[in-house]
C-alpha atoms as a PDB file:
ATOM      1  CA  UNK A   1      23.492 -11.954   9.790  1.00  0.00           C
ATOM      2  CA  UNK A   2      21.938  -9.193  11.828  1.00  0.00           C
ATOM      3  CA  UNK A   3      18.294  -8.595  12.478  1.00  0.00           C
ATOM      4  CA  UNK A   4      16.458  -6.498   9.876  1.00  0.00           C
ATOM      5  CA  UNK A   5      19.513  -6.090   7.657  1.00  0.00           C
ATOM      6  CA  UNK A   6      20.046  -7.165   4.090  1.00  0.00           C
ATOM      7  CA  UNK A   7      23.211  -8.945   3.029  1.00  0.00           C
ATOM      8  CA  UNK A   8      25.150  -6.516   0.821  1.00  0.00           C
ATOM      9  CA  UNK A   9      26.348  -8.009  -2.444  1.00  0.00           C
ATOM     10  CA  UNK A  10      29.970  -7.361  -1.548  1.00  0.00           C
ATOM     11  CA  UNK A  11      29.633  -9.227   1.760  1.00  0.00           C
ATOM     12  CA  UNK A  12      27.924 -12.231   0.200  1.00  0.00           C
ATOM     13  CA  UNK A  13      30.430 -12.274  -2.648  1.00  0.00           C
ATOM     14  CA  UNK A  14      33.244 -12.346  -0.073  1.00  0.00           C
ATOM     15  CA  UNK A  15      31.594 -15.302   1.644  1.00  0.00           C
ATOM     16  CA  UNK A  16      31.673 -17.262  -1.585  1.00  0.00           C
ATOM     17  CA  UNK A  17      35.307 -16.714  -2.512  1.00  0.00           C
ATOM     18  CA  UNK A  18      35.332 -13.381  -4.324  1.00  0.00           C
ATOM     19  CA  UNK A  19      37.239 -10.818  -2.276  1.00  0.00           C
ATOM     20  CA  UNK A  20      35.816  -7.321  -2.632  1.00  0.00           C
ATOM     21  CA  UNK A  21      35.794  -4.337  -0.329  1.00  0.00           C
ATOM     22  CA  UNK A  22      32.499  -3.517   1.354  1.00  0.00           C
ATOM     23  CA  UNK A  23      30.660  -0.531  -0.095  1.00  0.00           C
ATOM     24  CA  UNK A  24      27.709   0.687   1.947  1.00  0.00           C
ATOM     25  CA  UNK A  25      25.966   2.234  -1.064  1.00  0.00           C
ATOM     26  CA  UNK A  26      25.593  -1.096  -2.926  1.00  0.00           C
ATOM     27  CA  UNK A  27      22.180  -2.738  -3.241  1.00  0.00           C
ATOM     28  CA  UNK A  28      21.075  -5.687  -1.162  1.00  0.00           C
ATOM     29  CA  UNK A  29      21.332  -9.200  -2.571  1.00  0.00           C
ATOM     30  CA  UNK A  30      18.077 -10.659  -3.848  1.00  0.00           C
ATOM     31  CA  UNK A  31      16.913 -14.178  -3.092  1.00  0.00           C
ATOM     32  CA  UNK A  32      17.666 -15.335  -6.631  1.00  0.00           C
ATOM     33  CA  UNK A  33      21.172 -13.869  -6.453  1.00  0.00           C
ATOM     34  CA  UNK A  34      21.776 -15.708  -3.179  1.00  0.00           C
ATOM     35  CA  UNK A  35      20.487 -18.973  -4.687  1.00  0.00           C
ATOM     36  CA  UNK A  36      22.759 -18.489  -7.694  1.00  0.00           C
ATOM     37  CA  UNK A  37      25.790 -17.722  -5.491  1.00  0.00           C
ATOM     38  CA  UNK A  38      25.216 -20.795  -3.306  1.00  0.00           C
ATOM     39  CA  UNK A  39      24.638 -23.005  -6.361  1.00  0.00           C
ATOM     40  CA  UNK A  40      27.872 -21.766  -7.952  1.00  0.00           C
ATOM     41  CA  UNK A  41      29.920 -22.195  -4.766  1.00  0.00           C
ATOM     42  CA  UNK A  42      28.563 -25.639  -3.913  1.00  0.00           C
ATOM     43  CA  UNK A  43      28.559 -26.934  -7.530  1.00  0.00           C
ATOM     44  CA  UNK A  44      24.833 -27.610  -7.318  1.00  0.00           C
ATOM     45  CA  UNK A  45      21.874 -26.706  -9.479  1.00  0.00           C
ATOM     46  CA  UNK A  46      19.573 -23.840  -8.594  1.00  0.00           C
ATOM     47  CA  UNK A  47      16.680 -26.267  -8.163  1.00  0.00           C
ATOM     48  CA  UNK A  48      18.711 -28.243  -5.592  1.00  0.00           C
ATOM     49  CA  UNK A  49      19.404 -25.046  -3.643  1.00  0.00           C
ATOM     50  CA  UNK A  50      15.696 -24.149  -3.747  1.00  0.00           C
ATOM     51  CA  UNK A  51      14.882 -27.634  -2.385  1.00  0.00           C
ATOM     52  CA  UNK A  52      17.319 -27.023   0.477  1.00  0.00           C
ATOM     53  CA  UNK A  53      15.597 -23.734   1.269  1.00  0.00           C
ATOM     54  CA  UNK A  54      12.217 -25.492   1.220  1.00  0.00           C
ATOM     55  CA  UNK A  55      13.563 -28.160   3.575  1.00  0.00           C
ATOM     56  CA  UNK A  56      14.673 -25.430   5.971  1.00  0.00           C
ATOM     57  CA  UNK A  57      11.210 -23.885   5.778  1.00  0.00           C
ATOM     58  CA  UNK A  58       9.707 -27.208   6.906  1.00  0.00           C
ATOM     59  CA  UNK A  59      11.925 -27.247   9.981  1.00  0.00           C
ATOM     60  CA  UNK A  60      14.814 -29.428   8.863  1.00  0.00           C
ATOM     61  CA  UNK A  61      18.338 -28.318   9.741  1.00  0.00           C
ATOM     62  CA  UNK A  62      20.308 -27.319   6.643  1.00  0.00           C
ATOM     63  CA  UNK A  63      24.098 -27.197   6.792  1.00  0.00           C
ATOM     64  CA  UNK A  64      26.343 -25.591   4.162  1.00  0.00           C
ATOM     65  CA  UNK A  65      30.004 -26.543   4.584  1.00  0.00           C
ATOM     66  CA  UNK A  66      32.210 -23.529   5.296  1.00  0.00           C
ATOM     67  CA  UNK A  67      29.188 -21.224   5.674  1.00  0.00           C
ATOM     68  CA  UNK A  68      26.941 -22.373   8.522  1.00  0.00           C
ATOM     69  CA  UNK A  69      23.715 -24.052   9.627  1.00  0.00           C
ATOM     70  CA  UNK A  70      20.150 -22.829   9.213  1.00  0.00           C
ATOM     71  CA  UNK A  71      17.424 -24.220  11.420  1.00  0.00           C
ATOM     72  CA  UNK A  72      13.912 -23.324  12.513  1.00  0.00           C
ATOM     73  CA  UNK A  73      13.514 -22.495  16.195  1.00  0.00           C
ATOM     74  CA  UNK A  74      10.159 -22.698  17.961  1.00  0.00           C
ATOM     75  CA  UNK A  75       9.199 -19.987  20.434  1.00  0.00           C
ATOM     76  CA  UNK A  76       6.415 -20.795  22.881  1.00  0.00           C
ATOM     77  CA  UNK A  77       3.410 -18.557  23.482  1.00  0.00           C
ATOM     78  CA  UNK A  78       4.024 -16.132  26.313  1.00  0.00           C
ATOM     79  CA  UNK A  79       2.319 -13.367  28.227  1.00  0.00           C
ATOM     80  CA  UNK A  80       3.529  -9.830  27.643  1.00  0.00           C
ATOM     81  CA  UNK A  81       2.296  -6.371  28.582  1.00  0.00           C
ATOM     82  CA  UNK A  82       1.082  -3.458  26.511  1.00  0.00           C
ATOM     83  CA  UNK A  83       3.603  -0.713  27.402  1.00  0.00           C
ATOM     84  CA  UNK A  84       1.116   2.145  27.310  1.00  0.00           C
ATOM     85  CA  UNK A  85      -1.594   0.598  29.493  1.00  0.00           C
ATOM     86  CA  UNK A  86       0.200  -2.210  31.313  1.00  0.00           C
ATOM     87  CA  UNK A  87      -2.573  -4.636  30.368  1.00  0.00           C
ATOM     88  CA  UNK A  88      -1.472  -8.239  29.796  1.00  0.00           C
ATOM     89  CA  UNK A  89      -1.592  -9.672  26.291  1.00  0.00           C
ATOM     90  CA  UNK A  90      -0.754 -13.049  24.801  1.00  0.00           C
ATOM     91  CA  UNK A  91       2.150 -13.208  22.377  1.00  0.00           C
ATOM     92  CA  UNK A  92       1.434 -16.174  20.082  1.00  0.00           C
ATOM     93  CA  UNK A  93       3.855 -19.037  19.490  1.00  0.00           C
ATOM     94  CA  UNK A  94       5.946 -18.652  16.358  1.00  0.00           C
ATOM     95  CA  UNK A  95       8.718 -20.195  14.312  1.00  0.00           C
ATOM     96  CA  UNK A  96      11.921 -18.266  13.655  1.00  0.00           C
ATOM     97  CA  UNK A  97      14.882 -19.001  11.401  1.00  0.00           C
ATOM     98  CA  UNK A  98      18.160 -19.363  13.256  1.00  0.00           C
ATOM     99  CA  UNK A  99      21.643 -19.303  11.760  1.00  0.00           C
ATOM    100  CA  UNK A 100      24.867 -20.578  13.273  1.00  0.00           C
ATOM    101  CA  UNK A 101      27.930 -19.537  11.258  1.00  0.00           C
ATOM    102  CA  UNK A 102      30.693 -22.055  10.568  1.00  0.00           C
ATOM    103  CA  UNK A 103      34.161 -21.524  12.013  1.00  0.00           C
ATOM    104  CA  UNK A 104      35.558 -20.815   8.521  1.00  0.00           C
ATOM    105  CA  UNK A 105      33.046 -17.995   8.047  1.00  0.00           C
ATOM    106  CA  UNK A 106      33.773 -16.551  11.497  1.00  0.00           C
ATOM    107  CA  UNK A 107      37.514 -16.618  10.821  1.00  0.00           C
ATOM    108  CA  UNK A 108      37.042 -14.909   7.445  1.00  0.00           C
ATOM    109  CA  UNK A 109      34.852 -12.172   8.918  1.00  0.00           C
ATOM    110  CA  UNK A 110      37.199 -11.527  11.844  1.00  0.00           C
ATOM    111  CA  UNK A 111      40.416 -11.433   9.800  1.00  0.00           C
END
């Protein structure tokens, strides 16, 4: 979703078929709750969902129909500057998780 934000339970529940109004004071969804929700929606076992997450961690693209695609993006090392001193510094290469929502999810969010 958005950077540095948790997925509220009401939002994730809405993604998986249960329509509930968003309440800002609700707790964030835990990893196990997300695994359980995906397993229920996709008629899969929790261990299968965990294997999918592990596959994504190794860099494979994982697609969930009606939800979206997760993939690992590589960012190259680059030179940056320390704001206070202006001295150059090297920002190391890293791997980041990317998400591309499916059209069905976009339509549901925007309706």
